[in-house]
Amino acid sequence: MFDAKYLSDISFSSNDYCLNTLLNLLPSKLHIHLVDNFEDEFITTLKLIFENRVYICNDCDICRVYRLTNNVIRNRNL
């Protein structure tokens, strides 16, 4: 009884909320734009769940804009 876990005891990350939303929407295609060409555990999980519906991109106009923005933010913080 003392070892019981309650839902209120669990903290959720933004990845949890994102995954929950995607599972509810069940998109036919999922385009993921990677800024730093790094596939983390969350991307790997999405690929396992959505299989051939996941498209990874790292060199389109959207990726370039995010990469540029990310570099500007990093340079401001130095």
Protein backbone atom coordinates (compact mmCIF):
# COMPACT_ATOMS: atom_id res chain seq x y z
CA MET A 1 0.00 0.00 0.00
CA PHE A 2 2.82 2.44 0.86
CA ASP A 3 4.60 1.71 -2.42
CA ALA A 4 1.57 2.73 -4.48
CA LYS A 5 2.17 5.30 -7.20
CA TYR A 6 -0.44 7.84 -8.11
CA LEU A 7 -0.76 9.72 -11.38
CA SER A 8 -0.34 12.96 -9.46
CA ASP A 9 3.12 11.74 -8.34
CA ILE A 10 4.38 11.52 -11.91
CA SER A 11 5.89 14.55 -13.61
CA PHE A 12 5.40 14.90 -17.34
CA SER A 13 7.79 16.48 -19.81
CA SER A 14 6.93 18.44 -22.92
CA ASN A 15 7.85 15.31 -24.91
CA ASP A 16 5.13 13.40 -23.05
CA TYR A 17 2.53 15.99 -23.97
CA CYS A 18 3.72 16.06 -27.57
CA LEU A 19 3.60 12.27 -27.86
CA ASN A 20 0.15 12.17 -26.28
CA THR A 21 -1.11 14.73 -28.78
CA LEU A 22 0.40 12.87 -31.73
CA LEU A 23 -1.12 9.59 -30.56
CA ASN A 24 -4.53 11.25 -30.35
CA LEU A 25 -4.20 12.84 -33.79
CA LEU A 26 -2.54 9.85 -35.49
CA PRO A 27 -1.14 11.81 -38.43
CA SER A 28 -0.68 10.04 -41.76
CA LYS A 29 2.69 11.81 -42.15
CA LEU A 30 4.99 13.26 -39.55
CA HIS A 31 7.67 15.66 -40.82
CA ILE A 32 10.42 16.32 -38.31
CA HIS A 33 12.90 19.12 -38.95
CA LEU A 34 16.17 18.59 -37.11
CA VAL A 35 18.20 21.69 -36.35
CA ASP A 36 21.38 19.95 -35.27
CA ASN A 37 21.09 16.64 -37.20
CA PHE A 38 20.85 14.79 -33.88
CA GLU A 39 18.16 12.18 -33.33
CA ASP A 40 17.53 11.90 -29.61
CA GLU A 41 15.55 9.28 -27.71
CA PHE A 42 12.27 11.08 -28.40
CA ILE A 43 12.83 11.03 -32.19
CA THR A 44 13.74 7.35 -31.98
CA THR A 45 10.53 6.68 -30.07
CA LEU A 46 8.49 8.52 -32.70
CA LYS A 47 10.13 6.47 -35.43
CA LEU A 48 9.29 3.24 -33.60
CA ILE A 49 5.66 4.21 -33.06
CA PHE A 50 4.88 5.84 -36.41
CA GLU A 51 7.26 3.71 -38.51
CA ASN A 52 7.16 4.65 -42.20
CA ARG A 53 5.05 7.77 -41.56
CA VAL A 54 8.02 9.68 -40.11
CA TYR A 55 10.07 11.86 -42.44
CA ILE A 56 13.28 13.32 -41.05
CA CYS A 57 14.53 16.50 -42.66
CA ASN A 58 17.65 18.49 -41.88
CA ASP A 59 18.32 20.61 -44.94
CA CYS A 60 15.26 22.47 -46.20
CA ASP A 61 14.33 26.15 -45.91
CA ILE A 62 12.56 25.54 -42.60
CA CYS A 63 15.60 23.72 -41.14
CA ARG A 64 17.91 26.51 -42.29
CA VAL A 65 15.76 29.21 -40.68
CA TYR A 66 15.66 27.30 -37.37
CA ARG A 67 19.41 26.67 -37.55
CA LEU A 68 20.09 30.36 -38.19
CA THR A 69 17.76 31.41 -35.37
CA ASN A 70 19.35 28.90 -33.03
CA ASN A 71 22.83 30.25 -33.85
CA VAL A 72 21.73 33.84 -33.24
CA ILE A 73 20.30 32.92 -29.83
CA ARG A 74 23.47 31.03 -28.90
CA ASN A 75 25.67 33.99 -29.90
CA ARG A 76 23.56 36.39 -27.79
CA ASN A 77 24.00 34.19 -24.74
CA LEU A 78 27.81 34.19 -24.99
